[in-house]
Amino acid sequence: MAFVTDREIRSLNKRFLGRSYTTDVLAFDLTTQNLSRSSRKKISTIDGEIVISTTSAYRNAKEFGMLPYREVALYIVHGTLHLLGYDDHSPKNRRSMRIKEKDLMEQLFHDS
């Protein structure tokens, strides 16, 4: 896991994904082969790198009324789900991913 600034994550987003904008989290799959979502359920480990913009985490936490550490936790959950094969490119997939994020965040912070 790496914690970077908005400027650094924008550079990574441009360099590796061809997207010229800042984002809050990036997940890089480091497995030797791309596995389908169903195949990933059969493996016991994941190999990847999650990069989080702490600048974005702080800004978004303030905007959404969250504590910064919970915003970072959400990014860790989000990045991990990407490494497990979830995506958020279509409305249907985004809904599915948000439900899973919410469930995992409730498990992490059961006091909320």
N, C-alpha and C. Protein backbone atom coordinates (compact mmCIF):
# COMPACT_ATOMS: atom_id res chain seq x y z
N MET A 1 0.85 -1.16 0.00
CA MET A 1 0.00 0.00 0.00
C MET A 1 0.90 1.23 0.00
N ALA A 2 0.47 2.21 -0.76
CA ALA A 2 1.23 3.46 -0.83
C ALA A 2 0.28 4.63 -0.61
N PHE A 3 0.75 5.61 0.14
CA PHE A 3 0.00 6.83 0.40
C PHE A 3 0.71 7.97 -0.31
N VAL A 4 -0.02 8.66 -1.16
CA VAL A 4 0.57 9.69 -2.01
C VAL A 4 -0.31 10.95 -2.00
N THR A 5 0.18 11.99 -2.69
CA THR A 5 -0.59 13.22 -2.84
C THR A 5 -1.46 13.14 -4.09
N ASP A 6 -2.35 14.11 -4.26
CA ASP A 6 -3.15 14.18 -5.49
C ASP A 6 -2.27 14.26 -6.73
N ARG A 7 -1.22 15.05 -6.63
CA ARG A 7 -0.33 15.21 -7.78
C ARG A 7 0.30 13.88 -8.18
N GLU A 8 0.75 13.11 -7.19
CA GLU A 8 1.38 11.82 -7.47
C GLU A 8 0.39 10.80 -8.03
N ILE A 9 -0.82 10.77 -7.47
CA ILE A 9 -1.79 9.78 -7.96
C ILE A 9 -2.27 10.13 -9.36
N ARG A 10 -2.35 11.44 -9.65
CA ARG A 10 -2.71 11.85 -11.01
C ARG A 10 -1.65 11.39 -12.00
N SER A 11 -0.39 11.52 -11.63
CA SER A 11 0.70 11.08 -12.48
C SER A 11 0.64 9.57 -12.72
N LEU A 12 0.38 8.80 -11.67
CA LEU A 12 0.25 7.35 -11.80
C LEU A 12 -0.95 6.98 -12.67
N ASN A 13 -2.06 7.68 -12.47
CA ASN A 13 -3.28 7.43 -13.24
C ASN A 13 -3.00 7.67 -14.73
N LYS A 14 -2.29 8.74 -15.03
CA LYS A 14 -1.95 9.06 -16.42
C LYS A 14 -0.97 8.04 -17.00
N ARG A 15 0.07 7.74 -16.24
CA ARG A 15 1.13 6.85 -16.73
C ARG A 15 0.64 5.42 -16.98
N PHE A 16 -0.13 4.87 -16.04
CA PHE A 16 -0.50 3.47 -16.13
C PHE A 16 -1.88 3.21 -16.72
N LEU A 17 -2.78 4.18 -16.60
CA LEU A 17 -4.14 3.97 -17.08
C LEU A 17 -4.56 4.93 -18.18
N GLY A 18 -3.69 5.89 -18.50
CA GLY A 18 -3.99 6.82 -19.58
C GLY A 18 -5.08 7.82 -19.24
N ARG A 19 -5.34 8.02 -17.96
CA ARG A 19 -6.37 8.95 -17.51
C ARG A 19 -5.71 10.18 -16.91
N SER A 20 -6.03 11.33 -17.46
CA SER A 20 -5.36 12.57 -17.02
C SER A 20 -6.19 13.31 -15.97
N TYR A 21 -6.45 12.64 -14.85
CA TYR A 21 -7.16 13.29 -13.76
C TYR A 21 -6.78 12.65 -12.43
N THR A 22 -7.04 13.38 -11.37
CA THR A 22 -6.80 12.91 -10.01
C THR A 22 -7.90 11.95 -9.61
N THR A 23 -7.53 10.95 -8.86
CA THR A 23 -8.50 10.00 -8.31
C THR A 23 -8.12 9.76 -6.85
N ASP A 24 -8.98 9.12 -6.11
CA ASP A 24 -8.70 8.90 -4.69
C ASP A 24 -7.93 7.61 -4.43
N VAL A 25 -8.16 6.58 -5.24
CA VAL A 25 -7.50 5.29 -5.03
C VAL A 25 -7.26 4.60 -6.36
N LEU A 26 -6.13 3.94 -6.46
CA LEU A 26 -5.81 3.10 -7.61
C LEU A 26 -5.44 1.72 -7.08
N ALA A 27 -5.81 0.70 -7.82
CA ALA A 27 -5.44 -0.67 -7.46
C ALA A 27 -4.75 -1.31 -8.66
N PHE A 28 -3.55 -1.80 -8.43
CA PHE A 28 -2.78 -2.44 -9.49
C PHE A 28 -2.68 -3.93 -9.22
N ASP A 29 -3.22 -4.72 -10.12
CA ASP A 29 -3.16 -6.17 -10.01
C ASP A 29 -1.76 -6.62 -10.40
N LEU A 30 -1.07 -7.28 -9.50
CA LEU A 30 0.29 -7.72 -9.76
C LEU A 30 0.40 -9.23 -9.97
N THR A 31 -0.74 -9.90 -10.13
CA THR A 31 -0.69 -11.33 -10.41
C THR A 31 -0.07 -11.55 -11.78
N THR A 32 0.49 -12.71 -11.98
CA THR A 32 1.15 -13.00 -13.25
C THR A 32 0.17 -13.21 -14.38
N GLN A 33 -1.06 -13.49 -14.04
CA GLN A 33 -2.08 -13.63 -15.07
C GLN A 33 -3.36 -12.99 -14.58
N ASN A 34 -4.14 -12.46 -15.48
CA ASN A 34 -5.42 -11.87 -15.11
C ASN A 34 -6.42 -13.00 -14.91
N LEU A 35 -7.01 -13.03 -13.74
CA LEU A 35 -7.98 -14.07 -13.41
C LEU A 35 -9.38 -13.49 -13.47
N SER A 36 -10.32 -14.31 -13.88
CA SER A 36 -11.71 -13.87 -13.88
C SER A 36 -12.19 -13.76 -12.44
N ARG A 37 -13.29 -13.07 -12.24
CA ARG A 37 -13.85 -12.90 -10.90
C ARG A 37 -14.15 -14.26 -10.27
N SER A 38 -14.71 -15.20 -11.03
CA SER A 38 -15.03 -16.51 -10.48
C SER A 38 -13.77 -17.28 -10.13
N SER A 39 -12.70 -17.12 -10.92
CA SER A 39 -11.43 -17.80 -10.62
C SER A 39 -10.81 -17.25 -9.35
N ARG A 40 -10.94 -15.94 -9.14
CA ARG A 40 -10.34 -15.32 -7.95
C ARG A 40 -10.96 -15.86 -6.67
N LYS A 41 -12.19 -16.29 -6.72
CA LYS A 41 -12.83 -16.82 -5.51
C LYS A 41 -12.15 -18.11 -5.06
N LYS A 42 -11.41 -18.76 -5.95
CA LYS A 42 -10.76 -20.02 -5.63
C LYS A 42 -9.35 -19.85 -5.10
N ILE A 43 -8.79 -18.64 -5.18
CA ILE A 43 -7.44 -18.43 -4.69
C ILE A 43 -7.47 -17.89 -3.27
N SER A 44 -6.39 -18.15 -2.54
CA SER A 44 -6.38 -17.75 -1.13
C SER A 44 -5.62 -16.45 -0.88
N THR A 45 -4.91 -15.95 -1.88
CA THR A 45 -4.18 -14.70 -1.72
C THR A 45 -4.38 -13.82 -2.95
N ILE A 46 -4.14 -12.54 -2.75
CA ILE A 46 -4.15 -11.61 -3.88
C ILE A 46 -2.80 -10.92 -3.89
N ASP A 47 -2.37 -10.53 -5.07
CA ASP A 47 -1.10 -9.84 -5.20
C ASP A 47 -1.37 -8.54 -5.92
N GLY A 48 -1.25 -7.45 -5.21
CA GLY A 48 -1.54 -6.17 -5.82
C GLY A 48 -1.02 -5.03 -4.99
N GLU A 49 -1.14 -3.86 -5.55
CA GLU A 49 -0.72 -2.63 -4.87
C GLU A 49 -1.90 -1.67 -4.86
N ILE A 50 -2.20 -1.12 -3.71
CA ILE A 50 -3.25 -0.12 -3.57
C ILE A 50 -2.56 1.21 -3.28
N VAL A 51 -2.89 2.22 -4.08
CA VAL A 51 -2.31 3.55 -3.93
C VAL A 51 -3.44 4.50 -3.54
N ILE A 52 -3.25 5.21 -2.45
CA ILE A 52 -4.29 6.09 -1.91
C ILE A 52 -3.78 7.52 -1.86
N SER A 53 -4.60 8.44 -2.35
CA SER A 53 -4.29 9.86 -2.23
C SER A 53 -4.80 10.33 -0.87
N THR A 54 -3.87 10.64 0.02
CA THR A 54 -4.28 11.15 1.33
C THR A 54 -4.87 12.56 1.20
N THR A 55 -4.45 13.28 0.17
CA THR A 55 -5.02 14.60 -0.09
C THR A 55 -6.51 14.46 -0.38
N SER A 56 -6.85 13.52 -1.26
CA SER A 56 -8.25 13.27 -1.58
C SER A 56 -9.02 12.74 -0.38
N ALA A 57 -8.39 11.85 0.37
CA ALA A 57 -9.06 11.28 1.55
C ALA A 57 -9.45 12.37 2.53
N TYR A 58 -8.54 13.28 2.80
CA TYR A 58 -8.83 14.36 3.74
C TYR A 58 -9.92 15.27 3.19
N ARG A 59 -9.80 15.66 1.92
CA ARG A 59 -10.78 16.55 1.29
C ARG A 59 -12.17 15.89 1.26
N ASN A 60 -12.23 14.63 0.84
CA ASN A 60 -13.52 13.95 0.74
C ASN A 60 -14.13 13.67 2.11
N ALA A 61 -13.29 13.36 3.08
CA ALA A 61 -13.80 13.14 4.44
C ALA A 61 -14.49 14.40 4.94
N LYS A 62 -13.87 15.54 4.71
CA LYS A 62 -14.44 16.81 5.13
C LYS A 62 -15.76 17.07 4.39
N GLU A 63 -15.75 16.82 3.07
CA GLU A 63 -16.95 17.05 2.26
C GLU A 63 -18.11 16.15 2.65
N PHE A 64 -17.81 14.88 2.98
CA PHE A 64 -18.88 13.92 3.28
C PHE A 64 -19.12 13.73 4.77
N GLY A 65 -18.45 14.51 5.60
CA GLY A 65 -18.66 14.44 7.04
C GLY A 65 -18.16 13.14 7.66
N MET A 66 -17.09 12.60 7.11
CA MET A 66 -16.49 11.38 7.64
C MET A 66 -15.18 11.71 8.33
N LEU A 67 -14.75 10.84 9.19
CA LEU A 67 -13.41 10.98 9.77
C LEU A 67 -12.40 10.53 8.73
N PRO A 68 -11.28 11.22 8.61
CA PRO A 68 -10.30 10.87 7.58
C PRO A 68 -9.86 9.40 7.60
N TYR A 69 -9.68 8.81 8.79
CA TYR A 69 -9.24 7.42 8.83
C TYR A 69 -10.30 6.47 8.28
N ARG A 70 -11.57 6.83 8.41
CA ARG A 70 -12.62 5.99 7.82
C ARG A 70 -12.66 6.15 6.30
N GLU A 71 -12.37 7.33 5.82
CA GLU A 71 -12.30 7.55 4.38
C GLU A 71 -11.15 6.72 3.80
N VAL A 72 -10.01 6.71 4.48
CA VAL A 72 -8.88 5.88 4.04
C VAL A 72 -9.27 4.40 4.08
N ALA A 73 -9.95 3.98 5.13
CA ALA A 73 -10.41 2.59 5.23
C ALA A 73 -11.32 2.24 4.05
N LEU A 74 -12.20 3.15 3.68
CA LEU A 74 -13.08 2.93 2.53
C LEU A 74 -12.25 2.73 1.26
N TYR A 75 -11.21 3.52 1.09
CA TYR A 75 -10.35 3.38 -0.09
C TYR A 75 -9.61 2.05 -0.08
N ILE A 76 -9.21 1.60 1.09
CA ILE A 76 -8.55 0.29 1.19
C ILE A 76 -9.53 -0.81 0.80
N VAL A 77 -10.75 -0.73 1.29
CA VAL A 77 -11.80 -1.70 0.94
C VAL A 77 -12.06 -1.64 -0.56
N HIS A 78 -12.22 -0.45 -1.10
CA HIS A 78 -12.50 -0.26 -2.51
C HIS A 78 -11.38 -0.86 -3.38
N GLY A 79 -10.15 -0.53 -3.05
CA GLY A 79 -9.01 -1.06 -3.80
C GLY A 79 -8.91 -2.57 -3.71
N THR A 80 -9.16 -3.11 -2.54
CA THR A 80 -9.12 -4.56 -2.35
C THR A 80 -10.19 -5.24 -3.19
N LEU A 81 -11.38 -4.65 -3.23
CA LEU A 81 -12.44 -5.23 -4.06
C LEU A 81 -12.04 -5.22 -5.53
N HIS A 82 -11.38 -4.16 -5.98
CA HIS A 82 -10.88 -4.15 -7.36
C HIS A 82 -9.90 -5.31 -7.58
N LEU A 83 -9.01 -5.53 -6.63
CA LEU A 83 -8.05 -6.61 -6.77
C LEU A 83 -8.72 -7.99 -6.76
N LEU A 84 -9.88 -8.06 -6.15
CA LEU A 84 -10.64 -9.31 -6.13
C LEU A 84 -11.51 -9.48 -7.37
N GLY A 85 -11.47 -8.49 -8.27
CA GLY A 85 -12.19 -8.64 -9.52
C GLY A 85 -13.45 -7.81 -9.66
N TYR A 86 -13.81 -7.04 -8.65
CA TYR A 86 -14.98 -6.18 -8.75
C TYR A 86 -14.62 -4.96 -9.60
N ASP A 87 -15.59 -4.43 -10.31
CA ASP A 87 -15.35 -3.18 -11.02
C ASP A 87 -16.55 -2.26 -10.83
N ASP A 88 -16.34 -1.00 -11.15
CA ASP A 88 -17.39 0.01 -10.95
C ASP A 88 -17.59 0.85 -12.21
N HIS A 89 -17.45 0.20 -13.36
CA HIS A 89 -17.54 0.92 -14.63
C HIS A 89 -18.96 1.04 -15.16
N SER A 90 -19.84 0.15 -14.77
CA SER A 90 -21.24 0.24 -15.20
C SER A 90 -22.11 0.50 -13.97
N PRO A 91 -23.29 1.09 -14.16
CA PRO A 91 -24.17 1.34 -13.01
C PRO A 91 -24.47 0.06 -12.21
N LYS A 92 -24.71 -1.05 -12.89
CA LYS A 92 -25.01 -2.30 -12.20
C LYS A 92 -23.82 -2.76 -11.36
N ASN A 93 -22.62 -2.74 -11.95
CA ASN A 93 -21.43 -3.15 -11.22
C ASN A 93 -21.12 -2.19 -10.08
N ARG A 94 -21.34 -0.90 -10.31
CA ARG A 94 -21.10 0.11 -9.28
C ARG A 94 -22.01 -0.14 -8.08
N ARG A 95 -23.29 -0.43 -8.34
CA ARG A 95 -24.23 -0.73 -7.24
C ARG A 95 -23.76 -1.94 -6.44
N SER A 96 -23.37 -2.99 -7.16
CA SER A 96 -22.90 -4.21 -6.50
C SER A 96 -21.67 -3.94 -5.65
N MET A 97 -20.75 -3.15 -6.19
CA MET A 97 -19.54 -2.83 -5.45
C MET A 97 -19.84 -1.97 -4.23
N ARG A 98 -20.74 -1.01 -4.36
CA ARG A 98 -21.11 -0.14 -3.22
C ARG A 98 -21.75 -0.95 -2.10
N ILE A 99 -22.58 -1.92 -2.46
CA ILE A 99 -23.20 -2.78 -1.45
C ILE A 99 -22.14 -3.56 -0.69
N LYS A 100 -21.18 -4.12 -1.42
CA LYS A 100 -20.10 -4.88 -0.80
C LYS A 100 -19.24 -3.96 0.07
N GLU A 101 -18.94 -2.76 -0.41
CA GLU A 101 -18.18 -1.79 0.38
C GLU A 101 -18.89 -1.48 1.69
N LYS A 102 -20.19 -1.21 1.59
CA LYS A 102 -20.98 -0.87 2.77
C LYS A 102 -20.95 -2.02 3.78
N ASP A 103 -21.12 -3.23 3.29
CA ASP A 103 -21.10 -4.40 4.16
C ASP A 103 -19.75 -4.55 4.86
N LEU A 104 -18.68 -4.41 4.12
CA LEU A 104 -17.34 -4.55 4.72
C LEU A 104 -17.03 -3.42 5.69
N MET A 105 -17.44 -2.20 5.36
CA MET A 105 -17.22 -1.08 6.27
C MET A 105 -18.01 -1.28 7.56
N GLU A 106 -19.22 -1.80 7.46
CA GLU A 106 -20.00 -2.07 8.68
C GLU A 106 -19.33 -3.15 9.52
N GLN A 107 -18.71 -4.12 8.88
CA GLN A 107 -17.99 -5.15 9.63
C GLN A 107 -16.75 -4.57 10.30
N LEU A 108 -16.05 -3.68 9.61
CA LEU A 108 -14.86 -3.06 10.20
C LEU A 108 -15.21 -2.13 11.36
N PHE A 109 -16.27 -1.36 11.17
CA PHE A 109 -16.67 -0.35 12.16
C PHE A 109 -18.05 -0.67 12.69
N HIS A 110 -18.17 -1.78 13.33
CA HIS A 110 -19.47 -2.25 13.81
C HIS A 110 -20.12 -1.32 14.81
N ASP A 111 -19.37 -0.33 15.28
CA ASP A 111 -19.92 0.62 16.25
C ASP A 111 -20.71 1.74 15.57
N SER A 112 -20.73 1.78 14.23
CA SER A 112 -21.42 2.87 13.52
C SER A 112 -22.87 2.57 13.34
